């Protein structure tokens, strides 16, 4: 069976995966781009330049072998996007996913086909139901749980994540949406490894112990 994976999900030292005050202009709220500067500096992101070190090694694992993504309403767009029937997401006309993407929301709408192979599908479903739909669309490839923190937390709580790479960024946000709340003891279900980067971030990898 295909794996359910989380890749390059960045959190602050105090566990926040996004800041407070998300708007159309500030997709990650008051955190801005601080959680993701490490990734923007990699060759995997820049394509024609950027670093080739440990950050790049982890960043380039994001896409290969993935046939579908599941994301939350907050990753798709800013609060209130549900009231704009013409809104097509925060990712531009050619989103970086290039697969079917299942957006978990209580405000469903018809699917949106974008350039580059991305099609957004809108589901009001449990994590298990969404994963079943995504696996069918992935055609035997893996399913990436893209975030945000609330969605990843729900999939972890349901025991549905096989492999996860969390990137701990050396900043303190103080407010926003935390990843680890309610997941006490989650480490007992995974083999965990960490790799420190010269950039100051730490890549923590979780692999399900029974996989």
Protein backbone atom coordinates (compact mmCIF):
# COMPACT_ATOMS: atom_id res chain seq x y z
CA UNK A 1 0.00 0.00 0.00
CA UNK A 2 1.14 3.55 -0.64
CA UNK A 3 2.61 5.59 2.20
CA UNK A 4 1.17 8.68 3.82
CA UNK A 5 3.95 11.27 4.11
CA UNK A 6 4.64 14.73 5.50
CA UNK A 7 7.64 16.56 4.05
CA UNK A 8 9.49 19.74 5.01
CA UNK A 9 6.83 20.96 7.42
CA UNK A 10 8.41 23.84 9.31
CA UNK A 11 7.64 24.72 12.91
CA UNK A 12 9.10 27.24 15.34
CA UNK A 13 10.99 26.32 18.50
CA UNK A 14 7.71 26.73 20.39
CA UNK A 15 5.89 24.42 18.00
CA UNK A 16 3.89 26.77 15.78
CA UNK A 17 3.39 25.79 12.13
CA UNK A 18 1.91 29.14 11.19
CA UNK A 19 1.58 32.52 12.81
CA UNK A 20 -1.46 34.40 14.02
CA UNK A 21 -3.41 36.78 11.81
CA UNK A 22 -3.50 34.98 8.46
CA UNK A 23 -4.75 37.22 5.64
CA UNK A 24 -4.73 37.21 1.85
CA UNK A 25 -1.44 39.13 1.96
CA UNK A 26 0.05 37.19 4.91
CA UNK A 27 -0.52 33.52 4.20
CA UNK A 28 1.41 32.50 7.34
CA UNK A 29 0.21 35.37 9.50
CA UNK A 30 2.72 37.29 11.57
CA UNK A 31 5.33 34.56 10.90
CA UNK A 32 5.73 35.87 7.37
CA UNK A 33 8.35 33.85 5.50
CA UNK A 34 10.53 33.19 8.55
CA UNK A 35 9.53 29.53 8.84
CA UNK A 36 10.56 28.82 5.26
CA UNK A 37 13.69 30.86 4.59
CA UNK A 38 15.79 27.70 4.91
CA UNK A 39 13.86 26.12 2.04
CA UNK A 40 13.90 29.20 -0.20
CA UNK A 41 17.70 29.12 -0.04
CA UNK A 42 17.99 25.57 -1.44
CA UNK A 43 18.75 24.53 -5.00
CA UNK A 44 15.60 22.41 -4.95
CA UNK A 45 13.55 25.60 -4.57
CA UNK A 46 15.59 27.95 -6.75
CA UNK A 47 16.32 25.40 -9.48
CA UNK A 48 19.16 27.42 -11.06
CA UNK A 49 21.04 28.27 -7.87
CA UNK A 50 20.90 27.82 -4.12
CA UNK A 51 22.54 25.57 -1.56
CA UNK A 52 23.22 21.87 -2.17
CA UNK A 53 23.70 20.87 1.49
CA UNK A 54 21.60 18.99 3.99
CA UNK A 55 18.61 21.35 3.67
CA UNK A 56 18.50 20.68 -0.05
CA UNK A 57 18.65 16.92 0.51
CA UNK A 58 15.49 17.08 2.60
CA UNK A 59 13.76 19.68 0.40
CA UNK A 60 14.10 17.59 -2.73
CA UNK A 61 12.24 14.66 -1.11
CA UNK A 62 9.03 16.72 -1.18
CA UNK A 63 7.82 15.77 -4.65
CA UNK A 64 9.10 12.39 -5.93
CA UNK A 65 6.74 9.46 -5.56
CA UNK A 66 3.74 11.57 -4.51
CA UNK A 67 0.52 11.10 -6.45
CA UNK A 68 -1.89 13.26 -4.43
CA UNK A 69 -1.92 15.79 -1.59
CA UNK A 70 -4.33 16.50 1.24
CA UNK A 71 -4.38 20.02 2.71
CA UNK A 72 -6.55 22.06 5.01
CA UNK A 73 -8.69 25.05 4.14
CA UNK A 74 -6.11 27.37 5.71
CA UNK A 75 -3.35 26.16 3.42
CA UNK A 76 -5.57 26.60 0.38
CA UNK A 77 -6.36 30.22 1.19
CA UNK A 78 -6.93 33.00 3.67
CA UNK A 79 -9.86 33.06 6.11
CA UNK A 80 -12.98 34.01 4.19
CA UNK A 81 -11.99 32.51 0.82
CA UNK A 82 -15.13 30.38 1.07
CA UNK A 83 -17.22 33.52 0.46
CA UNK A 84 -15.50 34.27 -2.85
CA UNK A 85 -16.71 31.81 -5.52
CA UNK A 86 -13.96 32.94 -7.89
CA UNK A 87 -11.07 32.30 -5.49
CA UNK A 88 -8.68 29.65 -6.84
CA UNK A 89 -6.23 29.41 -3.96
CA UNK A 90 -3.10 31.11 -2.71
CA UNK A 91 -0.76 29.23 -5.04
CA UNK A 92 -1.09 31.09 -8.35
CA UNK A 93 -2.27 29.82 -11.73
CA UNK A 94 0.30 26.99 -11.79
CA UNK A 95 0.49 25.61 -8.23
CA UNK A 96 3.58 23.59 -7.23
CA UNK A 97 1.68 20.38 -6.47
CA UNK A 98 1.10 18.99 -10.01
CA UNK A 99 -1.21 16.28 -8.63
CA UNK A 100 -4.79 16.02 -7.43
CA UNK A 101 -5.11 18.02 -4.19
CA UNK A 102 -7.89 17.35 -1.70
CA UNK A 103 -8.83 20.39 0.37
CA UNK A 104 -10.58 19.58 3.65
CA UNK A 105 -13.31 22.14 4.24
CA UNK A 106 -16.86 22.44 5.49
CA UNK A 107 -17.54 24.72 2.50
CA UNK A 108 -17.34 22.43 -0.50
CA UNK A 109 -17.44 23.64 -4.11
CA UNK A 110 -16.85 22.15 -7.58
CA UNK A 111 -13.31 20.99 -8.37
CA UNK A 112 -10.90 23.52 -9.90
CA UNK A 113 -8.45 22.42 -12.58
CA UNK A 114 -5.29 24.52 -12.65
CA UNK A 115 -2.25 24.66 -14.92
CA UNK A 116 0.51 22.09 -14.53
CA UNK A 117 -1.61 19.13 -13.49
CA UNK A 118 -3.00 20.40 -10.18
CA UNK A 119 -6.72 19.90 -9.61
CA UNK A 120 -8.25 21.05 -6.33
CA UNK A 121 -11.05 18.87 -4.96
CA UNK A 122 -13.04 20.04 -1.93
CA UNK A 123 -14.08 17.49 0.70
CA UNK A 124 -16.00 17.63 3.94
CA UNK A 125 -14.61 14.36 5.25
CA UNK A 126 -12.77 12.66 8.08
CA UNK A 127 -9.01 12.06 7.75
CA UNK A 128 -9.62 8.39 6.93
CA UNK A 129 -12.23 9.22 4.28
CA UNK A 130 -10.00 11.87 2.71
CA UNK A 131 -7.06 9.48 2.64
CA UNK A 132 -9.14 6.83 0.90
CA UNK A 133 -10.12 9.33 -1.82
CA UNK A 134 -6.55 10.59 -2.20
CA UNK A 135 -5.12 7.08 -2.46
CA UNK A 136 -7.55 6.24 -5.21
CA UNK A 137 -6.51 9.38 -7.11
CA UNK A 138 -2.80 8.77 -6.48
CA UNK A 139 -2.78 5.61 -8.58
CA UNK A 140 -0.50 3.62 -6.31
CA UNK A 141 1.85 6.49 -5.48
CA UNK A 142 2.18 8.01 -2.01
CA UNK A 143 -0.12 10.64 -0.49
CA UNK A 144 1.41 13.79 0.98
CA UNK A 145 -0.29 15.49 3.92
CA UNK A 146 0.63 19.08 3.17
CA UNK A 147 -0.66 20.89 6.23
CA UNK A 148 -1.38 23.09 7.92
CA UNK A 149 -0.60 22.14 11.46
CA UNK A 150 -4.22 21.32 12.32
CA UNK A 151 -4.57 18.82 9.48
CA UNK A 152 -1.24 17.10 10.22
CA UNK A 153 -2.18 16.91 13.91
CA UNK A 154 -5.52 15.27 13.02
CA UNK A 155 -3.85 12.68 10.78
CA UNK A 156 -1.25 11.91 13.47
CA UNK A 157 -3.97 11.51 16.09
CA UNK A 158 -5.79 9.10 13.77
CA UNK A 159 -2.61 7.03 13.29
CA UNK A 160 -2.49 7.69 9.55
CA UNK A 161 1.02 9.13 9.05
CA UNK A 162 3.72 6.66 7.97
CA UNK A 163 6.65 9.04 7.48
CA UNK A 164 7.12 12.66 8.53
CA UNK A 165 9.88 15.25 8.19
CA UNK A 166 9.43 18.20 10.56
CA UNK A 167 11.87 21.10 10.28
CA UNK A 168 12.47 22.95 13.56
CA UNK A 169 13.39 26.55 12.77
CA UNK A 170 15.23 28.58 15.45
CA UNK A 171 12.62 31.28 15.91
CA UNK A 172 9.95 31.90 18.57
CA UNK A 173 6.50 32.84 17.29
CA UNK A 174 4.57 32.88 20.57
CA UNK A 175 1.17 32.59 18.87
CA UNK A 176 -0.48 30.91 15.93
CA UNK A 177 -1.38 27.26 15.27
CA UNK A 178 0.67 24.63 17.10
CA UNK A 179 1.47 21.19 15.74
CA UNK A 180 1.94 19.05 18.84
CA UNK A 181 -1.06 19.90 21.04
CA UNK A 182 -2.91 16.78 22.20
CA UNK A 183 -0.27 14.38 20.84
CA UNK A 184 1.44 13.39 24.09
CA UNK A 185 3.39 10.15 23.67
CA UNK A 186 3.33 10.24 19.86
CA UNK A 187 7.08 9.54 19.88
CA UNK A 188 6.41 5.99 21.11
CA UNK A 189 4.86 5.10 17.76
CA UNK A 190 7.79 6.24 15.61
CA UNK A 191 11.50 5.72 15.10
CA UNK A 192 12.92 9.25 15.29
CA UNK A 193 16.13 10.67 13.86
CA UNK A 194 17.39 14.25 13.73
CA UNK A 195 19.93 16.03 11.55
CA UNK A 196 21.22 19.52 12.30
CA UNK A 197 21.96 21.91 9.46
CA UNK A 198 24.57 24.69 9.41
CA UNK A 199 21.66 27.05 8.68
CA UNK A 200 20.40 26.46 12.24
CA UNK A 201 17.36 24.32 11.43
CA UNK A 202 16.98 20.75 12.63
CA UNK A 203 15.36 18.11 10.43
CA UNK A 204 13.46 15.61 12.59
CA UNK A 205 12.30 12.47 10.80
CA UNK A 206 9.54 10.22 12.13
CA UNK A 207 9.10 6.74 10.63
CA UNK A 208 6.26 4.60 11.89
CA UNK A 209 7.78 1.84 14.02
CA UNK A 210 5.60 -0.91 12.51
CA UNK A 211 6.17 0.07 8.86
